[in-house]
Amino acid sequence: MTENKKMKLTGAQIRAGRAMLRISAQELADMAGIGVATVRRSEAVDGTIGVHYANSKAMQAALQGAGILFLGSDGGGPGVRLRE
């Protein structure tokens, strides 16, 4: 399983990543430099999120920087895990 930097994020991946880190939506927003409403809108979606590309990449970078690894949809669907 490898990190996929060009993948489209899903709301479930953002929710799961944030839960694994035990951080609030506000904390993720602060880490990513975006508004908390953007985080909440993204997490409310079951499929691929529909926010601006820059906001999506900012959330992904913030979660990755905190130790989250994004997994592609090959095999069992998209997911996340904590880096060892």
PDB file of N, CA and C in Angstrom:
ATOM      1  N   MET A   1       0.854  -1.182   0.000  1.00  0.00           N
ATOM      2  CA  MET A   1       0.000   0.000   0.000  1.00  0.00           C
ATOM      3  C   MET A   1       0.891   1.233   0.000  1.00  0.00           C
ATOM      4  N   THR A   2       0.624   2.127  -0.911  1.00  0.00           N
ATOM      5  CA  THR A   2       1.449   3.319  -1.016  1.00  0.00           C
ATOM      6  C   THR A   2       0.605   4.572  -0.969  1.00  0.00           C
ATOM      7  N   GLU A   3       1.251   5.636  -0.600  1.00  0.00           N
ATOM      8  CA  GLU A   3       0.596   6.930  -0.539  1.00  0.00           C
ATOM      9  C   GLU A   3       0.335   7.432  -1.945  1.00  0.00           C
ATOM     10  N   ASN A   4      -0.865   7.930  -2.171  1.00  0.00           N
ATOM     11  CA  ASN A   4      -1.231   8.423  -3.489  1.00  0.00           C
ATOM     12  C   ASN A   4      -1.436   9.926  -3.395  1.00  0.00           C
ATOM     13  N   LYS A   5      -0.487  10.717  -3.901  1.00  0.00           N
ATOM     14  CA  LYS A   5      -0.547  12.166  -3.760  1.00  0.00           C
ATOM     15  C   LYS A   5      -1.553  12.814  -4.702  1.00  0.00           C
ATOM     16  N   LYS A   6      -1.993  12.133  -5.755  1.00  0.00           N
ATOM     17  CA  LYS A   6      -2.916  12.726  -6.722  1.00  0.00           C
ATOM     18  C   LYS A   6      -4.346  12.234  -6.539  1.00  0.00           C
ATOM     19  N   MET A   7      -4.622  11.495  -5.499  1.00  0.00           N
ATOM     20  CA  MET A   7      -5.949  10.947  -5.301  1.00  0.00           C
ATOM     21  C   MET A   7      -6.931  12.034  -4.882  1.00  0.00           C
ATOM     22  N   LYS A   8      -8.189  11.784  -5.131  1.00  0.00           N
ATOM     23  CA  LYS A   8      -9.246  12.674  -4.679  1.00  0.00           C
ATOM     24  C   LYS A   8      -9.684  12.209  -3.298  1.00  0.00           C
ATOM     25  N   LEU A   9      -9.766  13.134  -2.375  1.00  0.00           N
ATOM     26  CA  LEU A   9     -10.135  12.800  -1.003  1.00  0.00           C
ATOM     27  C   LEU A   9     -11.634  12.586  -0.874  1.00  0.00           C
ATOM     28  N   THR A  10     -12.000  11.748   0.063  1.00  0.00           N
ATOM     29  CA  THR A  10     -13.405  11.547   0.393  1.00  0.00           C
ATOM     30  C   THR A  10     -13.668  12.117   1.780  1.00  0.00           C
ATOM     31  N   GLY A  11     -14.928  12.414   2.040  1.00  0.00           N
ATOM     32  CA  GLY A  11     -15.306  12.894   3.358  1.00  0.00           C
ATOM     33  C   GLY A  11     -14.960  11.887   4.439  1.00  0.00           C
ATOM     34  N   ALA A  12     -15.131  10.612   4.136  1.00  0.00           N
ATOM     35  CA  ALA A  12     -14.822   9.562   5.111  1.00  0.00           C
ATOM     36  C   ALA A  12     -13.336   9.547   5.455  1.00  0.00           C
ATOM     37  N   GLN A  13     -12.476   9.787   4.473  1.00  0.00           N
ATOM     38  CA  GLN A  13     -11.036   9.812   4.742  1.00  0.00           C
ATOM     39  C   GLN A  13     -10.673  10.973   5.668  1.00  0.00           C
ATOM     40  N   ILE A  14     -11.282  12.108   5.446  1.00  0.00           N
ATOM     41  CA  ILE A  14     -10.998  13.260   6.301  1.00  0.00           C
ATOM     42  C   ILE A  14     -11.505  13.001   7.714  1.00  0.00           C
ATOM     43  N   ARG A  15     -12.734  12.491   7.835  1.00  0.00           N
ATOM     44  CA  ARG A  15     -13.288  12.174   9.156  1.00  0.00           C
ATOM     45  C   ARG A  15     -12.416  11.165   9.884  1.00  0.00           C
ATOM     46  N   ALA A  16     -12.026  10.105   9.172  1.00  0.00           N
ATOM     47  CA  ALA A  16     -11.227   9.043   9.790  1.00  0.00           C
ATOM     48  C   ALA A  16      -9.841   9.546  10.187  1.00  0.00           C
ATOM     49  N   GLY A  17      -9.222  10.320   9.304  1.00  0.00           N
ATOM     50  CA  GLY A  17      -7.899  10.850   9.619  1.00  0.00           C
ATOM     51  C   GLY A  17      -7.929  11.747  10.841  1.00  0.00           C
ATOM     52  N   ARG A  18      -8.928  12.592  10.902  1.00  0.00           N
ATOM     53  CA  ARG A  18      -9.065  13.492  12.048  1.00  0.00           C
ATOM     54  C   ARG A  18      -9.331  12.708  13.328  1.00  0.00           C
ATOM     55  N   ALA A  19     -10.160  11.671  13.224  1.00  0.00           N
ATOM     56  CA  ALA A  19     -10.453  10.839  14.394  1.00  0.00           C
ATOM     57  C   ALA A  19      -9.201  10.108  14.880  1.00  0.00           C
ATOM     58  N   MET A  20      -8.398   9.596  13.948  1.00  0.00           N
ATOM     59  CA  MET A  20      -7.168   8.901  14.336  1.00  0.00           C
ATOM     60  C   MET A  20      -6.206   9.826  15.072  1.00  0.00           C
ATOM     61  N   LEU A  21      -6.199  11.086  14.678  1.00  0.00           N
ATOM     62  CA  LEU A  21      -5.313  12.061  15.318  1.00  0.00           C
ATOM     63  C   LEU A  21      -5.924  12.669  16.575  1.00  0.00           C
ATOM     64  N   ARG A  22      -7.216  12.424  16.763  1.00  0.00           N
ATOM     65  CA  ARG A  22      -7.953  12.975  17.905  1.00  0.00           C
ATOM     66  C   ARG A  22      -7.867  14.500  17.934  1.00  0.00           C
ATOM     67  N   ILE A  23      -8.155  15.087  16.773  1.00  0.00           N
ATOM     68  CA  ILE A  23      -8.173  16.545  16.674  1.00  0.00           C
ATOM     69  C   ILE A  23      -9.562  17.005  16.253  1.00  0.00           C
ATOM     70  N   SER A  24      -9.895  18.217  16.612  1.00  0.00           N
ATOM     71  CA  SER A  24     -11.202  18.776  16.258  1.00  0.00           C
ATOM     72  C   SER A  24     -11.183  19.309  14.825  1.00  0.00           C
ATOM     73  N   ALA A  25     -12.376  19.592  14.327  1.00  0.00           N
ATOM     74  CA  ALA A  25     -12.485  20.196  12.998  1.00  0.00           C
ATOM     75  C   ALA A  25     -11.777  21.547  12.986  1.00  0.00           C
ATOM     76  N   GLN A  26     -11.895  22.287  14.080  1.00  0.00           N
ATOM     77  CA  GLN A  26     -11.220  23.589  14.170  1.00  0.00           C
ATOM     78  C   GLN A  26      -9.702  23.421  14.135  1.00  0.00           C
ATOM     79  N   GLU A  27      -9.190  22.399  14.817  1.00  0.00           N
ATOM     80  CA  GLU A  27      -7.743  22.161  14.806  1.00  0.00           C
ATOM     81  C   GLU A  27      -7.253  21.815  13.402  1.00  0.00           C
ATOM     82  N   LEU A  28      -8.005  20.985  12.687  1.00  0.00           N
ATOM     83  CA  LEU A  28      -7.618  20.657  11.311  1.00  0.00           C
ATOM     84  C   LEU A  28      -7.661  21.907  10.441  1.00  0.00           C
ATOM     85  N   ALA A  29      -8.695  22.709  10.602  1.00  0.00           N
ATOM     86  CA  ALA A  29      -8.799  23.949   9.831  1.00  0.00           C
ATOM     87  C   ALA A  29      -7.596  24.852  10.097  1.00  0.00           C
ATOM     88  N   ASP A  30      -7.211  24.974  11.361  1.00  0.00           N
ATOM     89  CA  ASP A  30      -6.056  25.802  11.714  1.00  0.00           C
ATOM     90  C   ASP A  30      -4.771  25.241  11.111  1.00  0.00           C
ATOM     91  N   MET A  31      -4.609  23.928  11.176  1.00  0.00           N
ATOM     92  CA  MET A  31      -3.417  23.279  10.615  1.00  0.00           C
ATOM     93  C   MET A  31      -3.335  23.486   9.104  1.00  0.00           C
ATOM     94  N   ALA A  32      -4.493  23.472   8.448  1.00  0.00           N
ATOM     95  CA  ALA A  32      -4.551  23.576   6.987  1.00  0.00           C
ATOM     96  C   ALA A  32      -4.637  25.018   6.493  1.00  0.00           C
ATOM     97  N   GLY A  33      -4.898  25.949   7.411  1.00  0.00           N
ATOM     98  CA  GLY A  33      -5.029  27.344   7.010  1.00  0.00           C
ATOM     99  C   GLY A  33      -6.306  27.630   6.236  1.00  0.00           C
ATOM    100  N   ILE A  34      -7.367  26.898   6.583  1.00  0.00           N
ATOM    101  CA  ILE A  34      -8.665  27.073   5.918  1.00  0.00           C
ATOM    102  C   ILE A  34      -9.735  27.277   6.985  1.00  0.00           C
ATOM    103  N   GLY A  35     -10.938  27.583   6.568  1.00  0.00           N
ATOM    104  CA  GLY A  35     -12.026  27.784   7.506  1.00  0.00           C
ATOM    105  C   GLY A  35     -12.606  26.464   8.009  1.00  0.00           C
ATOM    106  N   VAL A  36     -13.099  26.495   9.229  1.00  0.00           N
ATOM    107  CA  VAL A  36     -13.686  25.287   9.810  1.00  0.00           C
ATOM    108  C   VAL A  36     -14.924  24.850   9.028  1.00  0.00           C
ATOM    109  N   ALA A  37     -15.641  25.786   8.424  1.00  0.00           N
ATOM    110  CA  ALA A  37     -16.820  25.430   7.626  1.00  0.00           C
ATOM    111  C   ALA A  37     -16.419  24.567   6.433  1.00  0.00           C
ATOM    112  N   THR A  38     -15.248  24.816   5.865  1.00  0.00           N
ATOM    113  CA  THR A  38     -14.761  24.004   4.742  1.00  0.00           C
ATOM    114  C   THR A  38     -14.498  22.579   5.193  1.00  0.00           C
ATOM    115  N   VAL A  39     -13.900  22.422   6.363  1.00  0.00           N
ATOM    116  CA  VAL A  39     -13.654  21.078   6.910  1.00  0.00           C
ATOM    117  C   VAL A  39     -14.983  20.374   7.134  1.00  0.00           C
ATOM    118  N   ARG A  40     -15.926  21.048   7.752  1.00  0.00           N
ATOM    119  CA  ARG A  40     -17.221  20.429   8.063  1.00  0.00           C
ATOM    120  C   ARG A  40     -17.988  20.056   6.793  1.00  0.00           C
ATOM    121  N   ARG A  41     -17.967  20.923   5.788  1.00  0.00           N
ATOM    122  CA  ARG A  41     -18.624  20.605   4.510  1.00  0.00           C
ATOM    123  C   ARG A  41     -17.988  19.385   3.865  1.00  0.00           C
ATOM    124  N   SER A  42     -16.678  19.319   3.917  1.00  0.00           N
ATOM    125  CA  SER A  42     -15.957  18.190   3.319  1.00  0.00           C
ATOM    126  C   SER A  42     -16.288  16.890   4.028  1.00  0.00           C
ATOM    127  N   GLU A  43     -16.339  16.923   5.335  1.00  0.00           N
ATOM    128  CA  GLU A  43     -16.618  15.714   6.110  1.00  0.00           C
ATOM    129  C   GLU A  43     -18.059  15.244   5.964  1.00  0.00           C
ATOM    130  N   ALA A  44     -18.952  16.132   5.597  1.00  0.00           N
ATOM    131  CA  ALA A  44     -20.366  15.775   5.470  1.00  0.00           C
ATOM    132  C   ALA A  44     -20.655  14.963   4.212  1.00  0.00           C
ATOM    133  N   VAL A  45     -19.702  14.918   3.291  1.00  0.00           N
ATOM    134  CA  VAL A  45     -19.867  14.213   2.018  1.00  0.00           C
ATOM    135  C   VAL A  45     -19.422  12.766   2.175  1.00  0.00           C
ATOM    136  N   ASP A  46     -20.208  11.830   1.648  1.00  0.00           N
ATOM    137  CA  ASP A  46     -19.812  10.425   1.715  1.00  0.00           C
ATOM    138  C   ASP A  46     -18.804  10.061   0.633  1.00  0.00           C
ATOM    139  N   GLY A  47     -18.887  10.699  -0.508  1.00  0.00           N
ATOM    140  CA  GLY A  47     -17.970  10.392  -1.612  1.00  0.00           C
ATOM    141  C   GLY A  47     -16.854  11.415  -1.713  1.00  0.00           C
ATOM    142  N   THR A  48     -16.392  11.640  -2.943  1.00  0.00           N
ATOM    143  CA  THR A  48     -15.328  12.607  -3.202  1.00  0.00           C
ATOM    144  C   THR A  48     -15.792  14.005  -2.813  1.00  0.00           C
ATOM    145  N   ILE A  49     -14.937  14.721  -2.099  1.00  0.00           N
ATOM    146  CA  ILE A  49     -15.316  16.053  -1.632  1.00  0.00           C
ATOM    147  C   ILE A  49     -15.331  17.039  -2.791  1.00  0.00           C
ATOM    148  N   GLY A  50     -16.154  18.065  -2.670  1.00  0.00           N
ATOM    149  CA  GLY A  50     -16.305  19.043  -3.736  1.00  0.00           C
ATOM    150  C   GLY A  50     -15.871  20.436  -3.322  1.00  0.00           C
ATOM    151  N   VAL A  51     -14.721  20.545  -2.672  1.00  0.00           N
ATOM    152  CA  VAL A  51     -14.201  21.858  -2.295  1.00  0.00           C
ATOM    153  C   VAL A  51     -13.118  22.262  -3.289  1.00  0.00           C
ATOM    154  N   HIS A  52     -12.695  23.508  -3.219  1.00  0.00           N
ATOM    155  CA  HIS A  52     -11.622  23.979  -4.100  1.00  0.00           C
ATOM    156  C   HIS A  52     -10.398  23.084  -3.950  1.00  0.00           C
ATOM    157  N   TYR A  53      -9.714  22.881  -5.061  1.00  0.00           N
ATOM    158  CA  TYR A  53      -8.526  22.020  -5.087  1.00  0.00           C
ATOM    159  C   TYR A  53      -7.506  22.438  -4.021  1.00  0.00           C
ATOM    160  N   ALA A  54      -7.273  23.736  -3.886  1.00  0.00           N
ATOM    161  CA  ALA A  54      -6.288  24.220  -2.913  1.00  0.00           C
ATOM    162  C   ALA A  54      -6.685  23.842  -1.490  1.00  0.00           C
ATOM    163  N   ASN A  55      -7.978  23.901  -1.180  1.00  0.00           N
ATOM    164  CA  ASN A  55      -8.443  23.532   0.158  1.00  0.00           C
ATOM    165  C   ASN A  55      -8.311  22.036   0.397  1.00  0.00           C
ATOM    166  N   SER A  56      -8.620  21.249  -0.619  1.00  0.00           N
ATOM    167  CA  SER A  56      -8.470  19.798  -0.522  1.00  0.00           C
ATOM    168  C   SER A  56      -7.013  19.433  -0.269  1.00  0.00           C
ATOM    169  N   LYS A  57      -6.113  20.026  -1.034  1.00  0.00           N
ATOM    170  CA  LYS A  57      -4.681  19.750  -0.880  1.00  0.00           C
ATOM    171  C   LYS A  57      -4.175  20.234   0.474  1.00  0.00           C
ATOM    172  N   ALA A  58      -4.708  21.353   0.975  1.00  0.00           N
ATOM    173  CA  ALA A  58      -4.292  21.867   2.280  1.00  0.00           C
ATOM    174  C   ALA A  58      -4.692  20.900   3.393  1.00  0.00           C
ATOM    175  N   MET A  59      -5.908  20.354   3.313  1.00  0.00           N
ATOM    176  CA  MET A  59      -6.331  19.371   4.322  1.00  0.00           C
ATOM    177  C   MET A  59      -5.490  18.113   4.232  1.00  0.00           C
ATOM    178  N   GLN A  60      -5.255  17.652   3.004  1.00  0.00           N
ATOM    179  CA  GLN A  60      -4.448  16.451   2.813  1.00  0.00           C
ATOM    180  C   GLN A  60      -3.043  16.656   3.373  1.00  0.00           C
ATOM    181  N   ALA A  61      -2.427  17.787   3.062  1.00  0.00           N
ATOM    182  CA  ALA A  61      -1.068  18.068   3.531  1.00  0.00           C
ATOM    183  C   ALA A  61      -1.014  18.162   5.053  1.00  0.00           C
ATOM    184  N   ALA A  62      -2.023  18.796   5.650  1.00  0.00           N
ATOM    185  CA  ALA A  62      -2.053  18.927   7.109  1.00  0.00           C
ATOM    186  C   ALA A  62      -2.169  17.559   7.774  1.00  0.00           C
ATOM    187  N   LEU A  63      -3.056  16.721   7.262  1.00  0.00           N
ATOM    188  CA  LEU A  63      -3.226  15.385   7.839  1.00  0.00           C
ATOM    189  C   LEU A  63      -1.984  14.527   7.608  1.00  0.00           C
ATOM    190  N   GLN A  64      -1.408  14.608   6.422  1.00  0.00           N
ATOM    191  CA  GLN A  64      -0.186  13.845   6.144  1.00  0.00           C
ATOM    192  C   GLN A  64       0.952  14.307   7.043  1.00  0.00           C
ATOM    193  N   GLY A  65       1.069  15.597   7.246  1.00  0.00           N
ATOM    194  CA  GLY A  65       2.113  16.137   8.107  1.00  0.00           C
ATOM    195  C   GLY A  65       1.987  15.681   9.547  1.00  0.00           C
ATOM    196  N   ALA A  66       0.761  15.357   9.946  1.00  0.00           N
ATOM    197  CA  ALA A  66       0.507  14.885  11.306  1.00  0.00           C
ATOM    198  C   ALA A  66       0.587  13.364  11.418  1.00  0.00           C
ATOM    199  N   GLY A  67       0.879  12.682  10.293  1.00  0.00           N
ATOM    200  CA  GLY A  67       1.088  11.239  10.353  1.00  0.00           C
ATOM    201  C   GLY A  67       0.054  10.368   9.681  1.00  0.00           C
ATOM    202  N   ILE A  68      -0.873  10.962   8.946  1.00  0.00           N
ATOM    203  CA  ILE A  68      -1.894  10.170   8.261  1.00  0.00           C
ATOM    204  C   ILE A  68      -1.401   9.785   6.870  1.00  0.00           C
ATOM    205  N   LEU A  69      -1.596   8.540   6.515  1.00  0.00           N
ATOM    206  CA  LEU A  69      -1.259   8.023   5.190  1.00  0.00           C
ATOM    207  C   LEU A  69      -2.565   7.759   4.454  1.00  0.00           C
ATOM    208  N   PHE A  70      -2.728   8.351   3.277  1.00  0.00           N
ATOM    209  CA  PHE A  70      -3.925   8.152   2.465  1.00  0.00           C
ATOM    210  C   PHE A  70      -3.717   6.961   1.547  1.00  0.00           C
ATOM    211  N   LEU A  71      -4.698   6.084   1.509  1.00  0.00           N
ATOM    212  CA  LEU A  71      -4.637   4.884   0.689  1.00  0.00           C
ATOM    213  C   LEU A  71      -5.589   5.032  -0.486  1.00  0.00           C
ATOM    214  N   GLY A  72      -5.145   4.631  -1.658  1.00  0.00           N
ATOM    215  CA  GLY A  72      -5.962   4.712  -2.863  1.00  0.00           C
ATOM    216  C   GLY A  72      -7.101   3.720  -2.854  1.00  0.00           C
ATOM    217  N   SER A  73      -7.930   3.794  -3.866  1.00  0.00           N
ATOM    218  CA  SER A  73      -9.117   2.945  -3.931  1.00  0.00           C
ATOM    219  C   SER A  73      -8.848   1.574  -4.529  1.00  0.00           C
ATOM    220  N   ASP A  74      -7.603   1.291  -4.891  1.00  0.00           N
ATOM    221  CA  ASP A  74      -7.289  -0.029  -5.446  1.00  0.00           C
ATOM    222  C   ASP A  74      -7.507  -1.102  -4.376  1.00  0.00           C
ATOM    223  N   GLY A  75      -8.243  -2.104  -4.717  1.00  0.00           N
ATOM    224  CA  GLY A  75      -8.520  -3.169  -3.758  1.00  0.00           C
ATOM    225  C   GLY A  75      -9.821  -2.951  -3.025  1.00  0.00           C
ATOM    226  N   GLY A  76      -9.736  -2.479  -1.798  1.00  0.00           N
ATOM    227  CA  GLY A  76     -10.916  -2.386  -0.956  1.00  0.00           C
ATOM    228  C   GLY A  76     -11.515  -1.010  -0.807  1.00  0.00           C
ATOM    229  N   GLY A  77     -11.133  -0.065  -1.626  1.00  0.00           N
ATOM    230  CA  GLY A  77     -11.669   1.282  -1.523  1.00  0.00           C
ATOM    231  C   GLY A  77     -10.697   2.212  -0.815  1.00  0.00           C
ATOM    232  N   PRO A  78     -10.944   3.528  -0.910  1.00  0.00           N
ATOM    233  CA  PRO A  78     -10.032   4.493  -0.308  1.00  0.00           C
ATOM    234  C   PRO A  78     -10.048   4.385   1.209  1.00  0.00           C
ATOM    235  N   GLY A  79      -8.929   4.744   1.821  1.00  0.00           N
ATOM    236  CA  GLY A  79      -8.841   4.675   3.269  1.00  0.00           C
ATOM    237  C   GLY A  79      -7.697   5.508   3.795  1.00  0.00           C
ATOM    238  N   VAL A  80      -7.471   5.400   5.090  1.00  0.00           N
ATOM    239  CA  VAL A  80      -6.366   6.080   5.760  1.00  0.00           C
ATOM    240  C   VAL A  80      -5.793   5.156   6.822  1.00  0.00           C
ATOM    241  N   ARG A  81      -4.563   5.435   7.194  1.00  0.00           N
ATOM    242  CA  ARG A  81      -3.967   4.767   8.346  1.00  0.00           C
ATOM    243  C   ARG A  81      -2.903   5.684   8.910  1.00  0.00           C
ATOM    244  N   LEU A  82      -2.502   5.407  10.147  1.00  0.00           N
ATOM    245  CA  LEU A  82      -1.428   6.170  10.773  1.00  0.00           C
ATOM    246  C   LEU A  82      -0.095   5.606  10.337  1.00  0.00           C
ATOM    247  N   ARG A  83       0.847   6.482  10.080  1.00  0.00           N
ATOM    248  CA  ARG A  83       2.205   6.022   9.770  1.00  0.00           C
ATOM    249  C   ARG A  83       2.799   5.392  11.015  1.00  0.00           C
ATOM    250  N   GLU A  84       3.677   4.445  10.786  1.00  0.00           N
ATOM    251  CA  GLU A  84       4.351   3.787  11.917  1.00  0.00           C
ATOM    252  C   GLU A  84       5.498   4.626  12.397  1.00  0.00           C
TER     253      GLU A  84
END
